[in-house]
Amino acid sequence: MKKLLRFFLALALILQLAGKLNAQYFALPDSGLYNWLNTHGCSSCLSPPNFLDTVCAGNFSCSTCVLTMTMDNANIHNLSGIQFFKNLAQLSCSVNHLTFIPPLPPLVEYLRCDNNPLDSLPPLSPPMSRLFCSFTHIKRLPSLPASMNQLYIGYDSLLTDVDNLPRDLGDLLITSDPSLTCLPYIHSITGAFSLRHTPIGCFANYPNNFSSDVPLHSIPLCWVYNPNNCYAYTNLTGTFYKDDNHNCTMDSGENGLGNCKMMLKQNGSLLQICYTNAQGVYAFSGSTPNSYQVEVDTSNLPFSVTCPVGGVDSVTLSTQHPYDTLLNFAAECGSSFDLAGYNLMAYRLRAGVVNDVLFRAGDMANFFNTICASGISGQVQLIF
């Protein structure tokens, strides 16, 4: 019996020694980070006075310390060592003393680093989708990955440049960045767009399909010659509007028509497509010297284009005339109107669960920011 007991004790000692031999240690340079890890469930990967077992950190996965680390206001000056927690998905390190952030683990999709004297951010790669970075000393954001969905930047007094914005951005909030004067091309914002107390004097383009707290028509598009040397992506613009008084001129009080498909052609060949924004504004990019045709796609529109005749306008660009901002199109409602259902919305539909469903239906012209069925009432029946 004693021999058997000694055997198991020896085996346990060998296994423990093997574990120690396989360990790889990294000296954490910051006592604040060591203390936070030690008191938030990661003590098994630490050895006094400041060593992190990187193999242990790489294999660690718990709901409270690795998948999500919230180390706000923890008196941390240096996050070096965080890169070894390869299962880390969300990191919040606001209100500390960080001047840089080391390369992030490959699974991080959320980063919040407000209120730090940061000079820069590390390279960002998929699956990074949410970045909150305000009250820092950052001058330039790194290239943003295509997976980025939410970007919140504000009160960064030195920020002067945003290199790129991903094609399908959800929310973009920019607040009180006094040195930021230009934005890159915005493909699409599907959520909210907020631009406050920032001296951006022109837009590279008007993005499609978003709600903004700034009337876009109040900020012009950037042309080749602009005071802040912002890049100009467009030189052919106009407005598609409802011509209430039938004079082929957009007068005060007449609404722009949103969500309308516009086409840029050359000798009958389609070059570019865009959709009007909520104010009816569209924009294309052309080169000089060249001639183009701008056309409204009238298929499935509940109104007709009246000016110019046929819904097509022509423009010639030259060195002396490099842009045109008055390629406007007028529309009028027909003698009848179209009914349609669109925008079916629900929250977390699941089998076996009763839920509310919002279904918008009625005058199809409402989808384009106008009314063609004024004074008409009735009921809509929804059949599943």
Protein backbone atom coordinates (compact mmCIF):
# COMPACT_ATOMS: atom_id res chain seq x y z
CA MET A 1 0.00 0.00 0.00
CA LYS A 2 2.84 2.38 0.92
CA LYS A 3 4.61 1.58 -2.37
CA LEU A 4 1.43 2.40 -4.28
CA LEU A 5 1.05 5.71 -2.41
CA ARG A 6 4.68 6.64 -3.10
CA PHE A 7 4.11 5.81 -6.78
CA PHE A 8 1.18 8.22 -7.11
CA LEU A 9 3.01 10.96 -5.21
CA ALA A 10 5.97 10.57 -7.53
CA LEU A 11 3.68 10.61 -10.57
CA ALA A 12 2.00 13.82 -9.38
CA LEU A 13 5.40 15.42 -8.85
CA ILE A 14 6.51 14.41 -12.33
CA LEU A 15 3.34 15.80 -13.91
CA GLN A 16 3.71 19.06 -11.99
CA LEU A 17 7.35 19.33 -13.05
CA ALA A 18 6.40 18.60 -16.67
CA GLY A 19 3.85 21.40 -16.51
CA LYS A 20 6.48 23.79 -15.21
CA LEU A 21 8.91 22.74 -17.93
CA ASN A 22 6.31 23.37 -20.63
CA ALA A 23 5.50 26.82 -19.25
CA GLN A 24 6.85 29.90 -20.98
CA TYR A 25 7.08 33.01 -18.86
CA PHE A 26 6.72 36.68 -19.78
CA ALA A 27 7.61 39.41 -17.34
CA LEU A 28 4.66 41.78 -17.15
CA PRO A 29 6.10 45.32 -17.12
CA ASP A 30 3.10 46.84 -15.34
CA SER A 31 2.05 46.05 -11.76
CA GLY A 32 -1.44 47.41 -12.44
CA LEU A 33 -2.04 44.80 -15.14
CA TYR A 34 -0.58 42.04 -12.91
CA ASN A 35 -2.84 43.05 -10.02
CA TRP A 36 -5.92 43.17 -12.26
CA LEU A 37 -5.27 39.71 -13.69
CA ASN A 38 -4.53 38.34 -10.23
CA THR A 39 -7.86 39.57 -8.84
CA HIS A 40 -10.05 38.74 -11.84
CA GLY A 41 -9.76 35.00 -12.18
CA CYS A 42 -6.40 34.67 -13.93
CA SER A 43 -4.17 34.03 -10.90
CA SER A 44 -3.42 30.45 -12.00
CA CYS A 45 -1.39 31.86 -14.91
CA LEU A 46 0.69 34.17 -12.72
CA SER A 47 3.83 33.70 -10.63
CA PRO A 48 5.33 36.33 -8.28
CA PRO A 49 6.58 38.88 -8.61
CA ASN A 50 5.32 39.68 -12.12
CA PHE A 51 5.47 36.61 -14.40
CA LEU A 52 2.75 35.44 -16.79
CA ASP A 53 2.67 31.85 -18.03
CA THR A 54 1.99 32.52 -21.71
CA VAL A 55 1.02 28.89 -22.43
CA CYS A 56 -1.54 29.04 -19.62
CA ALA A 57 -2.82 32.41 -20.86
CA GLY A 58 -3.18 31.07 -24.39
CA ASN A 59 -5.25 28.12 -23.21
CA PHE A 60 -7.30 30.09 -20.71
CA SER A 61 -11.00 30.57 -21.40
CA CYS A 62 -13.46 31.71 -18.82
CA SER A 63 -16.51 33.92 -19.05
CA THR A 64 -15.22 36.59 -16.67
CA CYS A 65 -11.56 37.17 -17.47
CA VAL A 66 -10.60 36.05 -20.96
CA LEU A 67 -13.50 36.30 -23.36
CA THR A 68 -14.20 39.73 -21.86
CA MET A 69 -11.73 41.88 -19.95
CA THR A 70 -13.06 45.10 -18.45
CA MET A 71 -10.08 46.76 -16.82
CA ASP A 72 -11.31 50.35 -16.69
CA ASN A 73 -9.78 52.72 -14.12
CA ALA A 74 -7.28 50.07 -12.99
CA ASN A 75 -4.15 52.27 -12.83
CA ILE A 76 -2.58 50.47 -15.79
CA HIS A 77 0.27 52.08 -17.71
CA ASN A 78 1.24 49.22 -20.02
CA LEU A 79 -0.88 46.38 -21.47
CA SER A 80 2.05 44.33 -22.76
CA GLY A 81 1.21 40.69 -22.10
CA ILE A 82 -2.43 40.99 -23.08
CA GLN A 83 -1.51 39.63 -26.51
CA PHE A 84 -0.99 36.14 -25.05
CA PHE A 85 -4.66 35.72 -24.13
CA LYS A 86 -5.60 34.32 -27.53
CA ASN A 87 -9.26 33.69 -26.55
CA LEU A 88 -9.86 37.33 -25.66
CA ALA A 89 -12.86 38.72 -27.56
CA GLN A 90 -13.70 42.03 -25.85
CA LEU A 91 -11.31 44.47 -24.21
CA SER A 92 -12.21 47.64 -22.35
CA CYS A 93 -9.29 49.60 -20.90
CA SER A 94 -10.68 53.11 -20.46
CA VAL A 95 -9.52 55.65 -17.86
CA ASN A 96 -5.96 54.40 -17.48
CA HIS A 97 -2.51 55.79 -18.35
CA LEU A 98 -1.87 54.00 -21.64
CA THR A 99 0.27 55.65 -24.33
CA PHE A 100 0.07 52.63 -26.65
CA ILE A 101 -1.74 49.31 -27.01
CA PRO A 102 0.26 46.21 -27.99
CA PRO A 103 -0.83 43.95 -30.85
CA LEU A 104 -4.20 42.47 -29.99
CA PRO A 105 -5.05 38.75 -29.86
CA PRO A 106 -6.61 37.46 -33.10
CA LEU A 107 -10.19 37.07 -31.80
CA VAL A 108 -10.73 40.58 -30.42
CA GLU A 109 -13.88 42.10 -31.92
CA TYR A 110 -14.51 44.93 -29.42
CA LEU A 111 -12.08 47.57 -28.16
CA ARG A 112 -12.86 50.49 -25.87
CA CYS A 113 -9.94 52.71 -24.91
CA ASP A 114 -11.42 56.09 -23.93
CA ASN A 115 -9.63 58.52 -21.63
CA ASN A 116 -6.04 57.44 -22.21
CA PRO A 117 -3.06 59.51 -23.46
CA LEU A 118 -2.76 57.15 -26.44
CA ASP A 119 -0.53 58.20 -29.32
CA SER A 120 -1.66 55.41 -31.64
CA LEU A 121 -3.66 52.21 -31.96
CA PRO A 122 -2.36 48.79 -32.99
CA PRO A 123 -3.21 47.28 -36.39
CA LEU A 124 -6.86 46.27 -36.50
CA SER A 125 -7.98 43.15 -38.33
CA PRO A 126 -11.12 41.00 -38.57
CA PRO A 127 -13.15 40.17 -36.56
CA MET A 128 -12.75 43.67 -35.05
CA SER A 129 -16.21 45.24 -35.40
CA ARG A 130 -16.62 47.83 -32.61
CA LEU A 131 -14.16 50.59 -31.75
CA PHE A 132 -14.78 53.27 -29.12
CA CYS A 133 -11.90 55.71 -28.82
CA SER A 134 -12.39 59.18 -27.32
CA PHE A 135 -10.35 61.59 -25.19
CA THR A 136 -6.95 60.43 -26.51
CA HIS A 137 -3.91 61.96 -28.25
CA ILE A 138 -4.28 59.86 -31.40
CA LYS A 139 -3.44 61.74 -34.60
CA ARG A 140 -4.34 59.09 -37.15
CA LEU A 141 -6.60 56.04 -37.05
CA PRO A 142 -5.15 52.81 -38.44
CA SER A 143 -6.68 51.19 -41.49
CA LEU A 144 -10.09 49.88 -40.52
CA PRO A 145 -11.02 46.28 -41.43
CA ALA A 146 -14.06 45.42 -43.51
CA SER A 147 -15.60 43.83 -40.40
CA MET A 148 -15.83 47.20 -38.60
CA ASN A 149 -19.47 47.98 -37.81
CA GLN A 150 -19.44 50.66 -35.11
CA LEU A 151 -16.94 53.52 -34.88
CA TYR A 152 -17.15 56.13 -32.12
CA ILE A 153 -14.43 58.79 -32.01
CA GLY A 154 -14.59 62.07 -30.17
CA TYR A 155 -12.75 64.68 -28.14
CA ASP A 156 -9.46 63.61 -29.72
CA SER A 157 -7.84 67.02 -30.01
CA LEU A 158 -4.97 65.85 -32.25
CA LEU A 159 -6.89 63.57 -34.65
CA THR A 160 -6.38 64.86 -38.18
CA ASP A 161 -6.87 61.84 -40.43
CA VAL A 162 -9.17 58.86 -40.94
CA ASP A 163 -7.63 56.72 -43.66
CA ASN A 164 -10.62 54.68 -44.71
CA LEU A 165 -14.10 53.62 -43.75
CA PRO A 166 -15.36 50.08 -44.43
CA ARG A 167 -17.95 49.49 -47.13
CA ASP A 168 -20.82 48.49 -44.82
CA LEU A 169 -20.51 50.58 -41.67
CA GLY A 170 -23.30 50.40 -39.10
CA ASP A 171 -22.81 53.48 -36.89
CA LEU A 172 -20.38 56.39 -37.26
CA LEU A 173 -20.26 58.94 -34.44
CA ILE A 174 -17.73 61.79 -34.56
CA THR A 175 -17.84 64.46 -31.86
CA SER A 176 -15.60 67.42 -30.98
CA ASP A 177 -12.52 66.60 -33.02
CA PRO A 178 -11.25 70.14 -33.75
CA SER A 179 -8.40 69.08 -36.08
CA LEU A 180 -10.40 66.67 -38.24
CA THR A 181 -11.38 68.55 -41.41
CA CYS A 182 -11.86 65.73 -43.96
CA LEU A 183 -13.56 62.35 -44.15
CA PRO A 184 -12.80 59.56 -46.63
CA TYR A 185 -15.33 58.12 -49.04
CA ILE A 186 -18.35 56.76 -47.15
CA HIS A 187 -19.84 53.81 -49.01
CA SER A 188 -22.84 53.18 -46.79
CA ILE A 189 -23.98 53.74 -43.22
CA THR A 190 -26.81 51.42 -42.24
CA GLY A 191 -27.31 52.83 -38.74
CA ALA A 192 -26.71 56.25 -37.21
CA PHE A 193 -24.40 59.01 -38.39
CA SER A 194 -23.56 61.80 -35.96
CA LEU A 195 -21.20 64.67 -36.73
CA ARG A 196 -20.96 67.34 -34.04
CA HIS A 197 -18.55 70.18 -33.26
CA THR A 198 -16.04 69.07 -35.90
CA PRO A 199 -14.87 71.47 -38.64
CA ILE A 200 -15.62 69.22 -41.63
CA GLY A 201 -16.54 71.66 -44.37
CA CYS A 202 -17.41 69.23 -47.15
CA PHE A 203 -18.17 65.57 -47.79
CA ALA A 204 -16.30 63.35 -50.21
CA ASN A 205 -19.68 61.90 -51.14
CA TYR A 206 -23.22 61.55 -49.83
CA PRO A 207 -23.60 57.98 -48.55
CA ASN A 208 -26.78 55.98 -49.00
CA ASN A 209 -29.38 54.71 -46.57
CA PHE A 210 -28.68 56.20 -43.17
CA SER A 211 -30.16 58.54 -40.60
CA SER A 212 -28.10 61.57 -39.73
CA ASP A 213 -28.38 64.26 -37.08
CA VAL A 214 -26.88 66.66 -39.66
CA PRO A 215 -28.88 67.73 -42.75
CA LEU A 216 -26.54 66.59 -45.48
CA HIS A 217 -27.56 69.29 -47.92
CA SER A 218 -26.19 71.82 -45.41
CA ILE A 219 -22.66 70.49 -46.04
CA PRO A 220 -21.48 70.63 -49.68
CA LEU A 221 -19.56 67.97 -51.56
CA CYS A 222 -15.81 68.44 -51.82
CA TRP A 223 -14.69 69.76 -55.17
CA VAL A 224 -11.20 69.69 -56.58
CA TYR A 225 -10.47 73.08 -55.08
CA ASN A 226 -11.44 73.12 -51.40
CA PRO A 227 -9.71 75.00 -48.56
CA ASN A 228 -8.78 71.89 -46.55
CA ASN A 229 -7.45 69.92 -49.56
CA CYS A 230 -9.90 67.11 -48.91
CA TYR A 231 -10.01 64.50 -51.62
CA ALA A 232 -12.78 65.12 -54.16
CA TYR A 233 -14.55 61.99 -55.32
CA THR A 234 -17.43 63.61 -57.17
CA ASN A 235 -17.86 66.27 -59.82
CA LEU A 236 -21.33 65.44 -61.17
CA THR A 237 -24.18 66.07 -58.76
CA GLY A 238 -27.81 67.07 -58.72
CA THR A 239 -31.13 66.65 -56.94
CA PHE A 240 -34.16 64.52 -57.79
CA TYR A 241 -37.22 66.34 -56.41
CA LYS A 242 -41.01 66.46 -56.54
CA ASP A 243 -42.05 69.40 -58.72
CA ASP A 244 -45.25 70.55 -57.00
CA ASN A 245 -45.83 73.62 -59.19
CA HIS A 246 -44.77 72.01 -62.50
CA ASN A 247 -42.14 74.62 -63.41
CA CYS A 248 -39.09 72.30 -63.72
CA THR A 249 -37.30 74.25 -61.00
CA MET A 250 -36.68 73.12 -57.43
CA ASP A 251 -38.37 75.80 -55.37
CA SER A 252 -38.39 76.37 -51.63
CA GLY A 253 -40.53 73.78 -49.86
CA GLU A 254 -40.30 71.12 -52.56
CA ASN A 255 -39.01 67.80 -51.25
CA GLY A 256 -36.11 65.76 -52.56
CA LEU A 257 -36.92 62.17 -53.48
CA GLY A 258 -34.82 59.60 -51.62
CA ASN A 259 -33.92 55.99 -52.46
CA CYS A 260 -34.13 56.57 -56.23
CA LYS A 261 -31.70 54.77 -58.50
CA MET A 262 -29.53 57.02 -60.67
CA MET A 263 -27.25 55.89 -63.51
CA LEU A 264 -24.21 57.42 -65.17
CA LYS A 265 -23.72 56.31 -68.77
CA GLN A 266 -21.38 57.03 -71.65
CA ASN A 267 -22.49 56.25 -75.20
CA GLY A 268 -25.15 53.96 -73.80
CA SER A 269 -22.79 51.97 -71.56
CA LEU A 270 -23.52 51.95 -67.84
CA LEU A 271 -20.56 53.27 -65.82
CA GLN A 272 -21.83 53.98 -62.30
CA ILE A 273 -24.94 53.56 -60.14
CA CYS A 274 -25.95 55.40 -56.98
CA TYR A 275 -29.11 56.13 -54.98
CA THR A 276 -30.39 59.52 -53.91
CA ASN A 277 -30.11 60.32 -50.22
CA ALA A 278 -32.97 61.51 -48.01
CA GLN A 279 -32.72 65.00 -49.52
CA GLY A 280 -32.78 63.66 -53.10
CA VAL A 281 -29.10 64.42 -53.73
CA TYR A 282 -26.92 62.09 -55.83
CA ALA A 283 -23.31 62.26 -56.97
CA PHE A 284 -21.04 60.68 -59.59
CA SER A 285 -17.37 60.95 -60.49
CA GLY A 286 -16.42 61.79 -64.07
CA SER A 287 -13.16 62.58 -65.82
CA THR A 288 -12.20 65.32 -68.24
CA PRO A 289 -12.53 65.70 -71.14
CA ASN A 290 -15.57 63.44 -71.49
CA SER A 291 -19.28 63.50 -72.20
CA TYR A 292 -21.81 61.62 -70.06
CA GLN A 293 -25.51 60.94 -69.71
CA VAL A 294 -27.21 60.95 -66.29
CA GLU A 295 -30.43 58.95 -66.16
CA VAL A 296 -33.14 58.09 -63.64
CA ASP A 297 -34.10 54.42 -63.44
CA THR A 298 -37.88 54.83 -63.62
CA SER A 299 -38.74 51.14 -63.23
CA ASN A 300 -41.17 50.62 -60.34
CA LEU A 301 -41.31 54.32 -59.49
CA PRO A 302 -44.79 55.48 -58.41
CA PHE A 303 -44.35 58.81 -60.25
CA SER A 304 -43.04 60.03 -63.58
CA VAL A 305 -39.97 62.10 -64.45
CA THR A 306 -41.05 65.33 -66.13
CA CYS A 307 -37.79 67.29 -66.45
CA PRO A 308 -35.63 66.82 -68.37
CA VAL A 309 -37.81 65.09 -70.92
CA GLY A 310 -37.26 61.34 -70.91
CA GLY A 311 -35.45 61.41 -67.57
CA VAL A 312 -32.02 61.78 -69.19
CA ASP A 313 -29.61 64.71 -68.99
CA SER A 314 -26.31 65.16 -70.83
CA VAL A 315 -23.15 66.87 -69.64
CA THR A 316 -19.70 67.51 -71.13
CA LEU A 317 -16.71 67.98 -68.85
CA SER A 318 -13.64 69.88 -69.93
CA THR A 319 -10.62 71.58 -68.42
CA GLN A 320 -12.58 74.84 -68.35
CA HIS A 321 -15.73 73.13 -67.05
CA PRO A 322 -14.56 70.25 -64.77
CA TYR A 323 -17.80 69.77 -62.82
CA ASP A 324 -21.58 70.26 -62.89
CA THR A 325 -23.71 70.64 -59.76
CA LEU A 326 -27.08 71.40 -61.36
CA LEU A 327 -28.03 68.09 -62.97
CA ASN A 328 -31.49 68.18 -61.39
CA PHE A 329 -34.48 65.98 -62.19
CA ALA A 330 -38.13 66.81 -61.54
CA ALA A 331 -40.95 64.32 -60.90
CA GLU A 332 -44.70 64.50 -60.53
CA CYS A 333 -47.31 62.07 -59.23
CA GLY A 334 -49.51 60.43 -61.82
CA SER A 335 -53.29 60.42 -61.97
CA SER A 336 -53.36 57.27 -59.82
CA PHE A 337 -51.21 55.98 -57.02
CA ASP A 338 -49.52 52.70 -56.08
CA LEU A 339 -49.93 50.74 -52.85
CA ALA A 340 -47.06 48.73 -51.44
CA GLY A 341 -45.87 46.99 -48.32
CA TYR A 342 -42.29 47.31 -47.22
CA ASN A 343 -39.98 47.48 -44.21
CA LEU A 344 -41.06 44.41 -42.22
CA MET A 345 -39.45 44.77 -38.79
CA ALA A 346 -39.38 42.54 -35.71
CA TYR A 347 -37.08 42.00 -32.75
CA ARG A 348 -35.54 38.57 -32.21
CA LEU A 349 -38.07 36.37 -33.96
CA ARG A 350 -37.82 32.85 -32.56
CA ALA A 351 -39.93 29.74 -32.98
CA GLY A 352 -42.57 29.31 -30.29
CA VAL A 353 -42.26 32.90 -29.05
CA VAL A 354 -45.01 35.53 -29.43
CA ASN A 355 -43.57 38.74 -30.81
CA ASP A 356 -44.69 42.03 -32.32
CA VAL A 357 -44.12 42.60 -36.03
CA LEU A 358 -44.15 46.08 -37.57
CA PHE A 359 -45.17 46.15 -41.23
CA ARG A 360 -45.27 49.46 -43.10
CA ALA A 361 -47.73 49.63 -45.96
CA GLY A 362 -49.70 52.17 -47.95
CA ASP A 363 -48.76 54.81 -50.49
CA MET A 364 -45.60 53.52 -52.18
CA ALA A 365 -44.42 57.08 -52.72
CA ASN A 366 -43.73 57.33 -48.96
CA PHE A 367 -40.69 55.12 -49.47
CA PHE A 368 -39.26 57.87 -51.70
CA ASN A 369 -39.99 60.69 -49.21
CA THR A 370 -43.11 62.05 -50.88
CA ILE A 371 -46.89 61.59 -51.00
CA CYS A 372 -48.99 60.72 -54.04
CA ALA A 373 -52.14 59.56 -52.23
CA SER A 374 -52.97 62.64 -50.19
CA GLY A 375 -56.51 62.49 -48.81
CA ILE A 376 -56.90 58.78 -49.54
CA SER A 377 -57.68 56.50 -46.59
CA GLY A 378 -58.36 52.79 -46.16
CA GLN A 379 -57.19 49.60 -44.51
CA VAL A 380 -54.34 47.26 -45.29
CA GLN A 381 -54.79 43.53 -44.75
CA LEU A 382 -51.74 41.45 -43.99
CA ILE A 383 -52.09 37.74 -44.83
CA PHE A 384 -49.44 35.18 -43.84
